[in-house]
N, C-alpha and C. Protein backbone atom coordinates (compact mmCIF):
# COMPACT_ATOMS: atom_id res chain seq x y z
N MET A 1 52.74 93.36 76.42
CA MET A 1 54.02 93.73 76.08
C MET A 1 54.77 94.58 77.08
N ARG A 2 54.08 95.71 77.50
CA ARG A 2 54.42 96.56 78.37
C ARG A 2 54.48 96.22 79.86
N PHE A 3 53.60 95.25 80.24
CA PHE A 3 53.63 94.75 81.40
C PHE A 3 54.76 93.54 81.81
N SER A 4 55.18 92.85 80.60
CA SER A 4 56.15 91.97 80.73
C SER A 4 57.52 92.75 80.85
N ALA A 5 57.66 93.93 80.17
CA ALA A 5 58.78 94.56 80.28
C ALA A 5 59.00 95.26 81.53
N LEU A 6 57.79 95.81 82.19
CA LEU A 6 57.89 96.28 83.59
C LEU A 6 58.27 95.25 84.57
N CYS A 7 57.72 94.09 84.44
CA CYS A 7 58.14 92.97 85.23
C CYS A 7 59.68 92.67 85.16
N LEU A 8 60.09 92.72 83.95
CA LEU A 8 61.49 92.35 83.57
C LEU A 8 62.35 93.57 84.58
N LEU A 9 61.93 94.54 84.32
CA LEU A 9 62.72 95.88 84.81
C LEU A 9 62.70 95.62 86.42
N VAL A 10 61.67 95.40 87.04
CA VAL A 10 61.41 95.40 88.58
C VAL A 10 62.34 94.11 88.95
N LEU A 11 62.46 93.01 88.12
CA LEU A 11 63.06 91.86 88.67
C LEU A 11 64.68 92.10 88.42
N SER A 12 65.02 92.87 87.45
CA SER A 12 66.53 93.19 87.38
C SER A 12 66.92 94.04 88.55
N LEU A 13 66.03 95.05 89.04
CA LEU A 13 66.51 95.93 89.97
C LEU A 13 66.71 95.19 91.47
N THR A 14 65.99 93.90 91.51
CA THR A 14 66.33 93.18 92.89
C THR A 14 67.69 92.64 92.89
N ALA A 15 68.45 92.55 91.72
CA ALA A 15 69.81 91.91 91.74
C ALA A 15 70.76 92.94 91.81
N CYS A 16 70.48 94.14 92.15
CA CYS A 16 71.49 95.39 92.10
C CYS A 16 72.51 95.23 93.19
N GLY A 17 72.38 94.41 94.25
CA GLY A 17 73.35 94.43 95.31
C GLY A 17 73.04 95.36 96.41
N PHE A 18 71.96 96.08 96.31
CA PHE A 18 71.62 96.88 97.41
C PHE A 18 71.51 96.30 98.74
N ARG A 19 71.98 96.69 99.87
CA ARG A 19 71.84 96.10 101.16
C ARG A 19 71.66 97.29 102.14
N PRO A 20 70.50 97.30 102.99
CA PRO A 20 70.43 98.47 103.91
C PRO A 20 71.43 98.46 104.89
N LEU A 21 71.90 99.52 105.22
CA LEU A 21 72.91 99.70 106.17
C LEU A 21 72.61 99.19 107.68
N TYR A 22 71.17 99.60 108.04
CA TYR A 22 70.70 99.14 109.42
C TYR A 22 69.74 97.99 109.35
N GLY A 23 69.80 97.11 108.15
CA GLY A 23 68.79 96.15 108.22
C GLY A 23 69.18 94.94 108.66
N GLU A 24 68.33 93.90 108.47
CA GLU A 24 68.61 92.58 109.15
C GLU A 24 69.64 91.82 107.96
N SER A 25 70.67 91.63 108.37
CA SER A 25 71.83 91.01 107.65
C SER A 25 72.75 90.33 108.47
N ALA A 26 73.66 89.67 107.98
CA ALA A 26 74.74 88.90 108.70
C ALA A 26 75.45 89.86 109.48
N ARG A 27 75.89 91.08 109.31
CA ARG A 27 76.63 91.83 110.06
C ARG A 27 76.01 93.20 110.05
N PRO A 28 75.07 93.59 110.77
CA PRO A 28 74.38 94.86 110.90
C PRO A 28 75.26 95.98 111.25
N ALA A 29 75.16 97.27 110.98
CA ALA A 29 75.92 98.24 111.25
C ALA A 29 76.28 98.42 112.66
N GLU A 30 75.14 98.11 113.65
CA GLU A 30 75.31 98.23 114.90
C GLU A 30 76.33 97.21 115.51
N GLN A 31 76.59 95.98 115.05
CA GLN A 31 77.48 95.11 115.32
C GLN A 31 78.95 95.68 114.92
N LEU A 32 79.11 96.19 113.65
CA LEU A 32 80.32 96.77 113.24
C LEU A 32 80.70 97.91 114.16
N LEU A 33 79.85 98.88 114.47
CA LEU A 33 80.27 99.96 115.22
C LEU A 33 80.56 99.56 116.58
N ALA A 34 80.21 98.51 117.19
CA ALA A 34 80.38 98.12 118.47
C ALA A 34 81.87 97.61 118.66
N SER A 35 82.47 97.22 117.53
CA SER A 35 83.92 96.83 117.57
C SER A 35 84.89 97.94 117.47
N VAL A 36 84.36 99.06 117.71
CA VAL A 36 85.37 100.41 117.49
C VAL A 36 85.47 101.06 118.93
N ALA A 37 86.62 101.19 119.29
CA ALA A 37 87.10 101.93 120.68
C ALA A 37 87.19 103.38 120.28
N ILE A 38 86.52 104.26 120.99
CA ILE A 38 86.64 105.68 120.83
C ILE A 38 87.57 106.34 121.83
N GLU A 39 88.36 106.79 121.43
CA GLU A 39 89.57 107.57 122.23
C GLU A 39 88.99 108.85 122.99
N ASN A 40 89.58 109.32 123.85
CA ASN A 40 89.07 110.61 124.58
C ASN A 40 89.31 111.71 123.56
N ILE A 41 88.45 112.84 123.77
CA ILE A 41 88.66 113.97 122.99
C ILE A 41 88.84 115.28 123.97
N GLU A 42 89.80 115.97 123.50
CA GLU A 42 90.06 117.16 124.51
C GLU A 42 88.86 118.16 124.50
N ASP A 43 88.78 118.79 125.60
CA ASP A 43 87.91 119.90 125.91
C ASP A 43 86.58 119.36 126.21
N ARG A 44 85.62 120.35 126.88
CA ARG A 44 84.50 119.95 127.31
C ARG A 44 83.38 119.58 126.05
N SER A 45 83.48 120.19 124.94
CA SER A 45 82.70 120.09 123.84
C SER A 45 83.20 118.69 123.24
N GLY A 46 84.38 118.47 123.19
CA GLY A 46 85.03 117.33 122.85
C GLY A 46 84.44 116.12 123.51
N GLN A 47 84.35 116.16 124.93
CA GLN A 47 83.76 115.15 125.76
C GLN A 47 82.46 114.93 125.47
N GLN A 48 81.56 115.85 125.17
CA GLN A 48 80.33 115.88 124.75
C GLN A 48 80.15 115.11 123.33
N LEU A 49 80.91 115.50 122.35
CA LEU A 49 81.04 114.73 121.19
C LEU A 49 81.35 113.31 121.39
N ARG A 50 82.33 113.03 122.22
CA ARG A 50 82.67 111.54 122.62
C ARG A 50 81.50 110.78 123.08
N LEU A 51 80.76 111.37 124.05
CA LEU A 51 79.49 110.76 124.65
C LEU A 51 78.45 110.62 123.58
N LEU A 52 78.10 111.54 122.75
CA LEU A 52 77.16 111.33 121.53
C LEU A 52 77.66 110.25 120.66
N LEU A 53 78.92 110.12 120.39
CA LEU A 53 79.33 109.05 119.45
C LEU A 53 79.22 107.68 120.11
N THR A 54 79.66 107.60 121.54
CA THR A 54 79.40 106.45 122.14
C THR A 54 77.94 106.04 122.20
N ASP A 55 76.89 106.91 122.47
CA ASP A 55 75.68 106.52 122.38
C ASP A 55 75.13 105.89 121.03
N ARG A 56 75.77 106.46 119.97
CA ARG A 56 75.39 105.97 118.62
C ARG A 56 76.07 104.59 118.18
N PHE A 57 77.34 104.54 118.72
CA PHE A 57 78.20 103.24 118.31
C PHE A 57 77.69 102.06 119.28
N TYR A 58 77.31 102.26 120.64
CA TYR A 58 76.95 101.19 121.33
C TYR A 58 75.51 101.03 121.92
N SER A 59 74.64 101.64 121.01
CA SER A 59 73.37 101.96 121.58
C SER A 59 72.60 100.56 121.68
N THR A 60 72.73 99.70 120.57
CA THR A 60 71.90 98.44 120.61
C THR A 60 72.74 97.31 120.96
N ALA A 61 74.07 97.26 120.51
CA ALA A 61 74.89 96.20 120.92
C ALA A 61 75.94 96.71 121.95
N PRO A 62 76.30 95.76 122.79
CA PRO A 62 77.35 96.18 123.81
C PRO A 62 78.65 96.30 123.10
N GLN A 63 79.60 97.13 123.60
CA GLN A 63 80.91 97.02 122.96
C GLN A 63 81.59 95.74 122.89
N SER A 64 82.10 95.29 121.81
CA SER A 64 82.59 93.75 121.64
C SER A 64 84.02 94.06 121.65
N SER A 65 84.74 93.04 121.09
CA SER A 65 86.21 93.00 121.18
C SER A 65 86.53 94.04 120.25
N THR A 66 87.61 94.89 120.47
CA THR A 66 88.07 95.97 119.67
C THR A 66 88.80 95.54 118.31
N LYS A 67 88.32 95.98 117.39
CA LYS A 67 88.98 95.71 115.97
C LYS A 67 89.23 97.01 115.37
N TYR A 68 88.84 98.20 115.81
CA TYR A 68 89.14 99.43 115.45
C TYR A 68 89.48 100.40 116.51
N ARG A 69 90.22 101.44 116.24
CA ARG A 69 90.35 102.56 117.19
C ARG A 69 89.82 103.88 116.51
N LEU A 70 89.07 104.72 117.13
CA LEU A 70 88.84 105.87 116.49
C LEU A 70 89.28 107.16 117.28
N ALA A 71 90.21 107.99 116.67
CA ALA A 71 90.66 109.22 117.11
C ALA A 71 89.90 110.30 116.49
N VAL A 72 89.57 111.39 117.23
CA VAL A 72 88.73 112.43 116.87
C VAL A 72 89.30 113.70 117.37
N ARG A 73 89.62 114.57 116.36
CA ARG A 73 90.11 116.04 116.88
C ARG A 73 88.89 117.02 116.44
N TYR A 74 88.65 117.86 117.33
CA TYR A 74 87.41 118.66 117.24
C TYR A 74 87.91 120.19 117.28
N VAL A 75 87.26 120.98 116.29
CA VAL A 75 87.77 122.43 116.06
C VAL A 75 86.39 123.12 115.99
N ALA A 76 86.21 124.31 116.73
CA ALA A 76 85.04 125.09 116.60
C ALA A 76 85.44 126.60 116.15
N ASN A 77 84.79 127.05 115.16
CA ASN A 77 85.13 128.51 114.74
C ASN A 77 83.67 129.24 114.80
N LYS A 78 83.80 130.46 115.35
CA LYS A 78 82.62 131.35 115.41
C LYS A 78 82.95 132.44 114.57
N THR A 79 81.68 132.76 113.74
CA THR A 79 81.71 133.91 112.82
C THR A 79 80.49 134.74 113.07
N GLU A 80 80.62 136.16 113.43
CA GLU A 80 79.72 137.14 113.62
C GLU A 80 79.03 137.65 112.42
N LEU A 81 77.68 137.55 112.14
CA LEU A 81 77.06 137.72 111.06
C LEU A 81 75.99 138.89 111.40
N GLY A 82 75.32 139.48 110.40
CA GLY A 82 74.19 140.30 110.80
C GLY A 82 74.53 141.62 111.42
N ILE A 83 75.51 142.28 110.89
CA ILE A 83 75.91 143.45 111.64
C ILE A 83 74.97 144.73 111.37
N ARG A 84 74.47 145.18 112.49
CA ARG A 84 73.74 146.43 112.49
C ARG A 84 74.46 147.66 112.15
N ARG A 85 73.74 148.82 112.01
CA ARG A 85 74.29 149.93 111.51
C ARG A 85 75.38 150.57 112.46
N ASP A 86 75.18 150.32 113.77
CA ASP A 86 76.13 150.58 114.80
C ASP A 86 77.15 149.64 115.11
N ASP A 87 77.59 148.81 114.02
CA ASP A 87 78.68 147.77 114.02
C ASP A 87 78.61 146.67 115.22
N VAL A 88 77.31 146.39 115.68
CA VAL A 88 77.03 145.38 116.60
C VAL A 88 76.40 144.23 115.84
N ALA A 89 77.07 143.05 116.11
CA ALA A 89 76.59 141.78 115.49
C ALA A 89 75.28 141.34 116.22
N THR A 90 74.32 140.67 115.35
CA THR A 90 73.12 140.28 115.75
C THR A 90 72.85 138.84 115.64
N ARG A 91 73.84 138.22 114.89
CA ARG A 91 73.64 136.77 114.68
C ARG A 91 75.11 136.34 114.58
N ALA A 92 75.18 135.05 114.91
CA ALA A 92 76.48 134.35 114.78
C ALA A 92 76.37 133.07 114.17
N ARG A 93 77.37 132.30 113.56
CA ARG A 93 77.42 131.02 113.05
C ARG A 93 78.70 130.25 113.50
N LEU A 94 78.17 128.99 113.88
CA LEU A 94 79.30 128.25 114.48
C LEU A 94 79.63 127.20 113.48
N THR A 95 80.90 126.93 113.11
CA THR A 95 81.33 125.97 112.28
C THR A 95 82.09 124.88 113.10
N LEU A 96 81.33 123.72 113.40
CA LEU A 96 82.12 122.63 114.03
C LEU A 96 82.66 121.49 113.16
N THR A 97 83.85 121.37 113.22
CA THR A 97 84.56 120.29 112.25
C THR A 97 85.16 119.33 113.21
N GLY A 98 84.85 118.07 112.76
CA GLY A 98 85.53 116.89 113.65
C GLY A 98 86.42 116.03 112.47
N TYR A 99 87.55 115.94 112.79
CA TYR A 99 88.60 115.18 112.05
C TYR A 99 88.73 113.86 112.67
N PHE A 100 88.62 112.87 112.00
CA PHE A 100 88.60 111.42 112.54
C PHE A 100 89.57 110.58 111.81
N THR A 101 90.17 109.60 112.67
CA THR A 101 90.95 108.60 111.97
C THR A 101 90.57 107.25 112.68
N LEU A 102 90.20 106.45 111.83
CA LEU A 102 89.73 105.05 112.17
C LEU A 102 90.83 104.11 111.87
N THR A 103 91.46 103.40 112.81
CA THR A 103 92.74 102.71 112.69
C THR A 103 92.30 101.26 113.01
N PRO A 104 92.43 100.32 112.00
CA PRO A 104 92.26 99.10 112.35
C PRO A 104 93.39 98.47 113.14
N MET A 105 92.95 97.59 114.06
CA MET A 105 94.08 96.92 115.08
C MET A 105 94.88 95.94 114.34
N ASP A 106 94.49 95.42 113.09
CA ASP A 106 95.35 94.59 112.51
C ASP A 106 96.56 95.09 111.62
N GLY A 107 96.62 96.37 111.83
CA GLY A 107 97.84 97.14 111.08
C GLY A 107 97.63 97.64 109.60
N SER A 108 96.24 97.41 109.12
CA SER A 108 96.05 97.81 107.60
C SER A 108 95.81 99.33 107.61
N GLU A 109 95.68 99.73 106.39
CA GLU A 109 95.49 101.10 106.14
C GLU A 109 94.39 101.68 106.98
N PRO A 110 94.72 102.83 107.72
CA PRO A 110 93.53 103.72 108.34
C PRO A 110 92.65 104.58 107.61
N PHE A 111 91.53 104.71 107.97
CA PHE A 111 90.56 105.62 107.25
C PHE A 111 90.29 106.88 108.06
N SER A 112 90.65 108.11 107.11
CA SER A 112 90.50 109.27 107.81
C SER A 112 89.58 110.10 107.04
N GLY A 113 89.07 110.99 107.53
CA GLY A 113 88.08 112.02 107.03
C GLY A 113 87.68 113.15 107.96
N SER A 114 86.73 113.98 107.48
CA SER A 114 86.22 115.11 108.33
C SER A 114 84.85 115.23 108.01
N GLU A 115 84.23 115.88 109.18
CA GLU A 115 82.69 116.11 108.95
C GLU A 115 82.62 117.52 109.53
N ARG A 116 81.66 118.31 109.03
CA ARG A 116 81.35 119.65 109.38
C ARG A 116 79.78 119.73 109.87
N SER A 117 79.53 120.72 110.73
CA SER A 117 78.34 121.13 110.99
C SER A 117 78.25 122.63 111.12
N PHE A 118 77.20 123.04 110.65
CA PHE A 118 77.03 124.70 110.62
C PHE A 118 75.71 124.94 111.36
N VAL A 119 75.80 125.78 112.50
CA VAL A 119 74.62 125.97 113.34
C VAL A 119 74.61 127.64 113.49
N SER A 120 73.57 128.32 113.59
CA SER A 120 73.46 129.70 113.91
C SER A 120 72.68 130.02 115.23
N TYR A 121 72.93 131.11 115.68
CA TYR A 121 72.25 131.56 116.92
C TYR A 121 72.15 133.12 116.90
N ASN A 122 71.23 133.64 117.72
CA ASN A 122 71.09 135.15 117.86
C ASN A 122 71.88 135.59 118.88
N ILE A 123 72.57 136.75 118.52
CA ILE A 123 73.20 137.52 119.62
C ILE A 123 72.35 138.40 120.30
N LEU A 124 72.00 138.38 121.76
CA LEU A 124 70.91 139.21 122.19
C LEU A 124 71.59 140.30 123.04
N LEU A 125 70.90 141.04 123.59
CA LEU A 125 71.39 142.26 124.52
C LEU A 125 71.74 141.67 125.90
N ASP A 126 71.16 140.59 126.20
CA ASP A 126 71.47 140.05 127.62
C ASP A 126 72.47 138.94 127.47
N PRO A 127 73.73 139.20 128.10
CA PRO A 127 74.86 138.21 128.03
C PRO A 127 74.35 136.64 128.33
N TYR A 128 73.56 136.65 129.40
CA TYR A 128 73.35 135.19 129.73
C TYR A 128 72.39 134.58 128.71
N ALA A 129 71.60 135.36 128.01
CA ALA A 129 70.68 134.79 127.03
C ALA A 129 71.52 134.36 125.76
N THR A 130 72.53 135.33 125.56
CA THR A 130 73.48 134.87 124.34
C THR A 130 74.22 133.71 124.74
N SER A 131 74.78 133.62 125.97
CA SER A 131 75.54 132.52 126.33
C SER A 131 74.70 131.08 126.22
N ALA A 132 73.55 131.25 126.60
CA ALA A 132 72.51 130.06 126.62
C ALA A 132 72.19 129.59 125.17
N ALA A 133 72.13 130.74 124.18
CA ALA A 133 71.89 130.33 122.88
C ALA A 133 73.14 129.76 122.30
N GLU A 134 74.32 130.30 122.49
CA GLU A 134 75.34 129.68 121.97
C GLU A 134 75.77 128.08 122.56
N LEU A 135 75.41 127.99 123.77
CA LEU A 135 75.55 126.46 124.35
C LEU A 135 74.56 125.56 123.65
N ASN A 136 73.30 126.12 123.29
CA ASN A 136 72.28 125.31 122.70
C ASN A 136 72.70 124.97 121.24
N ALA A 137 73.30 126.02 120.69
CA ALA A 137 73.68 125.95 119.25
C ALA A 137 74.79 124.82 119.11
N THR A 138 75.70 124.86 120.08
CA THR A 138 76.87 124.02 120.19
C THR A 138 76.40 122.62 120.34
N GLU A 139 75.42 122.42 121.13
CA GLU A 139 74.67 121.03 121.42
C GLU A 139 74.18 120.43 120.16
N ARG A 140 73.39 121.47 119.47
CA ARG A 140 72.79 120.87 118.20
C ARG A 140 73.82 120.68 117.27
N GLY A 141 75.00 121.46 117.03
CA GLY A 141 76.00 120.91 116.05
C GLY A 141 76.73 119.85 116.49
N LEU A 142 76.93 119.61 117.61
CA LEU A 142 77.57 118.32 118.11
C LEU A 142 76.83 117.05 117.73
N THR A 143 75.48 117.28 117.92
CA THR A 143 74.71 116.25 117.53
C THR A 143 74.61 115.88 116.16
N GLN A 144 74.59 116.97 115.41
CA GLN A 144 74.65 116.81 113.89
C GLN A 144 75.94 116.12 113.54
N LEU A 145 77.19 116.73 114.09
CA LEU A 145 78.37 116.14 113.84
C LEU A 145 78.52 114.59 114.20
N ALA A 146 78.09 114.23 115.29
CA ALA A 146 78.07 112.87 115.76
C ALA A 146 77.22 111.90 114.86
N ASP A 147 76.08 112.39 114.38
CA ASP A 147 75.40 111.68 113.46
C ASP A 147 76.06 111.45 112.07
N ASN A 148 76.62 112.52 111.53
CA ASN A 148 77.41 112.44 110.31
C ASN A 148 78.51 111.45 110.36
N MET A 149 79.32 111.62 111.40
CA MET A 149 80.43 110.80 111.54
C MET A 149 80.12 109.27 111.67
N THR A 150 79.18 109.04 112.59
CA THR A 150 78.45 107.63 112.79
C THR A 150 78.22 107.03 111.30
N ASN A 151 77.29 107.79 110.59
CA ASN A 151 76.98 107.29 109.24
C ASN A 151 78.01 106.96 108.33
N ARG A 152 79.17 107.89 108.27
CA ARG A 152 80.15 107.88 107.43
C ARG A 152 81.16 106.54 107.82
N ILE A 153 81.36 106.50 109.07
CA ILE A 153 82.12 105.31 109.60
C ILE A 153 81.38 103.97 109.45
N ALA A 154 80.15 103.97 109.60
CA ALA A 154 79.30 102.77 109.37
C ALA A 154 79.21 102.39 107.96
N LEU A 155 79.18 103.17 106.99
CA LEU A 155 79.29 102.92 105.66
C LEU A 155 80.66 102.36 105.21
N TYR A 156 81.66 102.99 105.84
CA TYR A 156 83.03 102.37 105.55
C TYR A 156 83.24 101.05 106.08
N LEU A 157 82.63 100.78 107.32
CA LEU A 157 82.76 99.38 107.92
C LEU A 157 82.04 98.39 107.19
N ALA A 158 80.86 98.85 106.72
CA ALA A 158 80.05 97.91 105.89
C ALA A 158 80.64 97.49 104.64
N GLY A 159 81.38 98.39 104.08
CA GLY A 159 82.14 98.21 102.91
C GLY A 159 83.29 97.26 103.00
N GLN A 160 83.76 97.39 104.15
CA GLN A 160 85.00 96.50 104.49
C GLN A 160 84.73 95.02 104.70
N GLU A 161 83.29 94.90 105.14
CA GLU A 161 82.81 93.44 105.44
C GLU A 161 82.54 92.64 104.35
N LYS A 162 82.52 93.29 103.02
CA LYS A 162 82.15 92.48 101.74
C LYS A 162 83.04 91.54 101.51
């Protein structure tokens, strides 16, 4: 009795409509992302973000005919934390925010959103070491931001293909 109930439960779960985003299907996420043209982003960090997005969007499939245009605006804020008794900061947190708009070329409703990344680094006595730590933190944050934006856009595009 319990065995048949368990089998029935397992069989009912197979019909739930779950499809893996990056699995073998008629239109995998890589092909959907390859139809997106990424516009230029201002600033050096913005260009790094664009390159990271390009790597993720066109990694396995070459860029196909453009069906969507992606515009991204990038904002970085730095907050000093960990104040010592002599009012010197010893830690900083970068908040990287990417605002994006995915516009279909057929004129339908655009998809907009934002993603955030929080990264921290130490403020050291040596200015060069602090600058290197900040650059490293920025690269880590941009990588996380690109991953988050890619996943969110891929999920949206997969939902539009149904």
